[in-house]
C-alpha atoms as a PDB file:
ATOM      1  CA  UNK A   1     -20.858   1.098   9.279  1.00  0.00           C
ATOM      2  CA  UNK A   2     -18.061   3.282   7.981  1.00  0.00           C
ATOM      3  CA  UNK A   3     -15.779   2.782   4.987  1.00  0.00           C
ATOM      4  CA  UNK A   4     -12.201   3.937   4.444  1.00  0.00           C
ATOM      5  CA  UNK A   5      -9.749   3.878   1.566  1.00  0.00           C
ATOM      6  CA  UNK A   6      -6.025   3.227   1.858  1.00  0.00           C
ATOM      7  CA  UNK A   7      -3.140   3.513  -0.571  1.00  0.00           C
ATOM      8  CA  UNK A   8       0.566   2.876  -0.237  1.00  0.00           C
ATOM      9  CA  UNK A   9       3.544   2.430  -2.543  1.00  0.00           C
ATOM     10  CA  UNK A  10       7.197   1.578  -2.028  1.00  0.00           C
ATOM     11  CA  UNK A  11      10.231   1.283  -4.295  1.00  0.00           C
ATOM     12  CA  UNK A  12      12.194  -1.946  -4.521  1.00  0.00           C
ATOM     13  CA  UNK A  13      15.474  -2.023  -2.589  1.00  0.00           C
ATOM     14  CA  UNK A  14      18.394  -4.444  -2.475  1.00  0.00           C
ATOM     15  CA  UNK A  15      19.141  -6.368   0.704  1.00  0.00           C
ATOM     16  CA  UNK A  16      15.639  -6.354   2.176  1.00  0.00           C
ATOM     17  CA  UNK A  17      13.040  -9.116   2.392  1.00  0.00           C
ATOM     18  CA  UNK A  18       9.789  -8.633   0.465  1.00  0.00           C
ATOM     19  CA  UNK A  19       6.990  -8.659   3.043  1.00  0.00           C
ATOM     20  CA  UNK A  20       3.363  -8.446   1.851  1.00  0.00           C
ATOM     21  CA  UNK A  21       0.470  -8.931   4.232  1.00  0.00           C
ATOM     22  CA  UNK A  22       2.881 -10.209   6.864  1.00  0.00           C
ATOM     23  CA  UNK A  23       4.147 -12.939   4.516  1.00  0.00           C
ATOM     24  CA  UNK A  24       7.705 -13.119   3.184  1.00  0.00           C
ATOM     25  CA  UNK A  25       7.498 -13.502  -0.592  1.00  0.00           C
ATOM     26  CA  UNK A  26      10.582 -14.874  -2.364  1.00  0.00           C
ATOM     27  CA  UNK A  27      12.073 -12.156  -4.584  1.00  0.00           C
ATOM     28  CA  UNK A  28      15.532 -10.751  -5.261  1.00  0.00           C
ATOM     29  CA  UNK A  29      14.523  -7.368  -3.784  1.00  0.00           C
ATOM     30  CA  UNK A  30      12.377  -6.151  -0.929  1.00  0.00           C
ATOM     31  CA  UNK A  31      10.723  -2.777  -0.495  1.00  0.00           C
ATOM     32  CA  UNK A  32      12.384   0.368   0.860  1.00  0.00           C
ATOM     33  CA  UNK A  33      10.802   2.018   3.883  1.00  0.00           C
ATOM     34  CA  UNK A  34      11.170   3.126   7.472  1.00  0.00           C
ATOM     35  CA  UNK A  35       9.404   0.004   8.762  1.00  0.00           C
ATOM     36  CA  UNK A  36       9.334  -3.382   7.017  1.00  0.00           C
ATOM     37  CA  UNK A  37       7.669  -1.551   4.061  1.00  0.00           C
ATOM     38  CA  UNK A  38       4.769  -4.019   3.880  1.00  0.00           C
ATOM     39  CA  UNK A  39       2.790  -2.087   1.267  1.00  0.00           C
ATOM     40  CA  UNK A  40      -0.280  -4.344   1.603  1.00  0.00           C
ATOM     41  CA  UNK A  41      -0.555  -4.037   5.375  1.00  0.00           C
ATOM     42  CA  UNK A  42       0.132  -0.286   5.192  1.00  0.00           C
ATOM     43  CA  UNK A  43      -2.752   0.233   2.741  1.00  0.00           C
ATOM     44  CA  UNK A  44      -5.011  -1.890   4.960  1.00  0.00           C
ATOM     45  CA  UNK A  45      -4.007   0.144   8.026  1.00  0.00           C
ATOM     46  CA  UNK A  46      -4.777   3.406   6.217  1.00  0.00           C
ATOM     47  CA  UNK A  47      -8.169   2.091   5.080  1.00  0.00           C
ATOM     48  CA  UNK A  48      -9.061   1.028   8.629  1.00  0.00           C
ATOM     49  CA  UNK A  49      -7.866   4.316  10.139  1.00  0.00           C
ATOM     50  CA  UNK A  50      -9.888   6.209   7.532  1.00  0.00           C
ATOM     51  CA  UNK A  51     -13.022   4.205   8.232  1.00  0.00           C
ATOM     52  CA  UNK A  52     -12.660   4.893  11.945  1.00  0.00           C
ATOM     53  CA  UNK A  53     -11.855   8.591  11.478  1.00  0.00           C
ATOM     54  CA  UNK A  54      -8.497   8.149  13.203  1.00  0.00           C
ATOM     55  CA  UNK A  55      -6.209   9.876  10.715  1.00  0.00           C
ATOM     56  CA  UNK A  56      -3.612   8.053   8.662  1.00  0.00           C
ATOM     57  CA  UNK A  57      -0.615   5.785   9.101  1.00  0.00           C
ATOM     58  CA  UNK A  58       1.821   8.720   8.929  1.00  0.00           C
ATOM     59  CA  UNK A  59       0.101  10.440  11.852  1.00  0.00           C
ATOM     60  CA  UNK A  60      -0.152   7.328  14.020  1.00  0.00           C
ATOM     61  CA  UNK A  61       3.299   5.907  13.148  1.00  0.00           C
ATOM     62  CA  UNK A  62       5.420   8.826  11.844  1.00  0.00           C
ATOM     63  CA  UNK A  63       8.536   7.865   9.920  1.00  0.00           C
ATOM     64  CA  UNK A  64      10.399  10.546  11.856  1.00  0.00           C
ATOM     65  CA  UNK A  65      10.021   8.487  15.048  1.00  0.00           C
ATOM     66  CA  UNK A  66      12.892   6.023  15.543  1.00  0.00           C
ATOM     67  CA  UNK A  67      10.507   3.781  17.509  1.00  0.00           C
ATOM     68  CA  UNK A  68       8.951   2.641  14.220  1.00  0.00           C
ATOM     69  CA  UNK A  69      12.218   2.025  12.344  1.00  0.00           C
ATOM     70  CA  UNK A  70      12.182  -1.551  11.080  1.00  0.00           C
ATOM     71  CA  UNK A  71       8.756  -2.132  12.678  1.00  0.00           C
ATOM     72  CA  UNK A  72       6.746  -5.231  11.819  1.00  0.00           C
ATOM     73  CA  UNK A  73       3.664  -3.880  10.042  1.00  0.00           C
ATOM     74  CA  UNK A  74       1.498  -6.689  11.404  1.00  0.00           C
ATOM     75  CA  UNK A  75       2.364  -5.337  14.859  1.00  0.00           C
ATOM     76  CA  UNK A  76       1.292  -1.877  13.688  1.00  0.00           C
ATOM     77  CA  UNK A  77      -1.988  -3.387  12.483  1.00  0.00           C
ATOM     78  CA  UNK A  78      -2.532  -4.946  15.924  1.00  0.00           C
ATOM     79  CA  UNK A  79      -2.023  -1.488  17.479  1.00  0.00           C
ATOM     80  CA  UNK A  80      -4.587   0.078  15.114  1.00  0.00           C
ATOM     81  CA  UNK A  81      -7.136  -2.658  15.855  1.00  0.00           C
ATOM     82  CA  UNK A  82      -6.752  -1.816  19.537  1.00  0.00           C
ATOM     83  CA  UNK A  83      -7.775   1.770  18.761  1.00  0.00           C
ATOM     84  CA  UNK A  84     -11.122   0.786  17.185  1.00  0.00           C
ATOM     85  CA  UNK A  85     -14.545   1.067  18.835  1.00  0.00           C
ATOM     86  CA  UNK A  86     -15.968  -1.799  16.785  1.00  0.00           C
ATOM     87  CA  UNK A  87     -15.003  -4.720  14.573  1.00  0.00           C
ATOM     88  CA  UNK A  88     -13.546  -4.653  11.092  1.00  0.00           C
ATOM     89  CA  UNK A  89     -16.168  -6.219   8.829  1.00  0.00           C
ATOM     90  CA  UNK A  90     -14.396  -6.443   5.487  1.00  0.00           C
ATOM     91  CA  UNK A  91     -11.144  -5.512   3.765  1.00  0.00           C
ATOM     92  CA  UNK A  92     -10.622  -5.607   0.006  1.00  0.00           C
ATOM     93  CA  UNK A  93      -7.098  -4.924  -1.279  1.00  0.00           C
ATOM     94  CA  UNK A  94      -5.417  -4.877  -4.684  1.00  0.00           C
ATOM     95  CA  UNK A  95      -1.655  -5.149  -5.077  1.00  0.00           C
ATOM     96  CA  UNK A  96      -0.209  -3.660  -8.261  1.00  0.00           C
ATOM     97  CA  UNK A  97       3.157  -4.912  -9.544  1.00  0.00           C
ATOM     98  CA  UNK A  98       4.834  -6.552 -12.518  1.00  0.00           C
ATOM     99  CA  UNK A  99       7.021  -8.910 -10.478  1.00  0.00           C
ATOM    100  CA  UNK A 100       6.976 -11.122  -8.535  1.00  0.00           C
ATOM    101  CA  UNK A 101       3.899 -13.107  -9.471  1.00  0.00           C
ATOM    102  CA  UNK A 102       1.753 -12.973  -6.337  1.00  0.00           C
ATOM    103  CA  UNK A 103      -0.983 -15.514  -7.097  1.00  0.00           C
ATOM    104  CA  UNK A 104       0.679 -18.405  -5.240  1.00  0.00           C
ATOM    105  CA  UNK A 105       1.177 -16.218  -2.136  1.00  0.00           C
ATOM    106  CA  UNK A 106      -2.293 -14.672  -1.908  1.00  0.00           C
ATOM    107  CA  UNK A 107      -3.822 -17.451   0.255  1.00  0.00           C
ATOM    108  CA  UNK A 108      -1.092 -16.990   2.883  1.00  0.00           C
ATOM    109  CA  UNK A 109      -1.599 -13.200   2.852  1.00  0.00           C
ATOM    110  CA  UNK A 110      -5.358 -13.609   3.258  1.00  0.00           C
ATOM    111  CA  UNK A 111      -4.880 -16.117   6.094  1.00  0.00           C
ATOM    112  CA  UNK A 112      -2.407 -13.852   7.925  1.00  0.00           C
ATOM    113  CA  UNK A 113      -4.561 -10.721   7.636  1.00  0.00           C
ATOM    114  CA  UNK A 114      -7.734 -12.652   8.527  1.00  0.00           C
ATOM    115  CA  UNK A 115      -6.081 -14.035  11.659  1.00  0.00           C
ATOM    116  CA  UNK A 116      -5.122 -10.519  12.773  1.00  0.00           C
ATOM    117  CA  UNK A 117      -8.315  -8.651  11.853  1.00  0.00           C
ATOM    118  CA  UNK A 118     -10.955 -11.375  12.323  1.00  0.00           C
ATOM    119  CA  UNK A 119     -12.615  -9.921   9.200  1.00  0.00           C
ATOM    120  CA  UNK A 120     -13.432 -11.029   5.674  1.00  0.00           C
ATOM    121  CA  UNK A 121     -10.304 -10.320   3.644  1.00  0.00           C
ATOM    122  CA  UNK A 122      -9.833 -10.224  -0.108  1.00  0.00           C
ATOM    123  CA  UNK A 123      -6.388  -9.756  -1.635  1.00  0.00           C
ATOM    124  CA  UNK A 124      -6.101  -9.398  -5.382  1.00  0.00           C
ATOM    125  CA  UNK A 125      -3.094  -8.760  -7.592  1.00  0.00           C
ATOM    126  CA  UNK A 126      -2.759  -7.108 -10.976  1.00  0.00           C
ATOM    127  CA  UNK A 127      -0.082  -5.590 -13.175  1.00  0.00           C
ATOM    128  CA  UNK A 128       0.182  -2.073 -14.515  1.00  0.00           C
ATOM    129  CA  UNK A 129       0.478  -3.448 -18.068  1.00  0.00           C
ATOM    130  CA  UNK A 130       4.046  -2.188 -18.350  1.00  0.00           C
ATOM    131  CA  UNK A 131       3.080   1.450 -17.799  1.00  0.00           C
ATOM    132  CA  UNK A 132       4.780   3.929 -15.443  1.00  0.00           C
ATOM    133  CA  UNK A 133       7.109   3.219 -12.535  1.00  0.00           C
ATOM    134  CA  UNK A 134       5.188   0.100 -11.536  1.00  0.00           C
ATOM    135  CA  UNK A 135       5.265  -1.155 -15.110  1.00  0.00           C
ATOM    136  CA  UNK A 136       9.033  -0.643 -15.204  1.00  0.00           C
ATOM    137  CA  UNK A 137       9.336  -2.908 -12.144  1.00  0.00           C
ATOM    138  CA  UNK A 138      10.514  -0.163  -9.794  1.00  0.00           C
ATOM    139  CA  UNK A 139       8.176  -1.067  -6.931  1.00  0.00           C
ATOM    140  CA  UNK A 140       4.759  -2.121  -5.711  1.00  0.00           C
ATOM    141  CA  UNK A 141       1.580  -0.182  -4.908  1.00  0.00           C
ATOM    142  CA  UNK A 142      -1.548  -1.263  -3.085  1.00  0.00           C
ATOM    143  CA  UNK A 143      -5.085   0.070  -2.733  1.00  0.00           C
ATOM    144  CA  UNK A 144      -7.406  -1.109   0.032  1.00  0.00           C
ATOM    145  CA  UNK A 145     -10.949  -0.493   1.210  1.00  0.00           C
ATOM    146  CA  UNK A 146     -12.106  -1.388   4.725  1.00  0.00           C
ATOM    147  CA  UNK A 147     -15.510  -1.420   6.380  1.00  0.00           C
ATOM    148  CA  UNK A 148     -15.611  -0.954  10.150  1.00  0.00           C
ATOM    149  CA  UNK A 149     -18.695  -1.301  12.330  1.00  0.00           C
ATOM    150  CA  UNK A 150     -18.480   1.697  14.677  1.00  0.00           C
ATOM    151  CA  UNK A 151     -21.649   0.910  16.661  1.00  0.00           C
END
């Protein structure tokens, strides 16, 4: 068993959908990024890559490569799963933002990520208590931990 940690953050941007864990969440702004900027799935990908010793999301899907522009992060997650020697056992993720309220959307995020990974998934959400760039409502961050069975 191996464990990895992932982190990602993106600023809010006008004219983009807000995608978290492969789920479109109603909000007046989405997240800026080279792909769909799904901060939750990106943190999960980094945690899985770390657990498997396969580098990080920037190495596997560089933002300098036009092939990944606008990419669906769930598709990127499928690619990473195909690189693994063993199953993902567990993923625990925490989204950090002031808005939107994510509680009503967490079950859909868990269902989507569970369907893709075939693992136990936990998605939590918290605020930054008004502190820093997250507290000012400038974007969303996510931390994730993944356990992968490499045997």
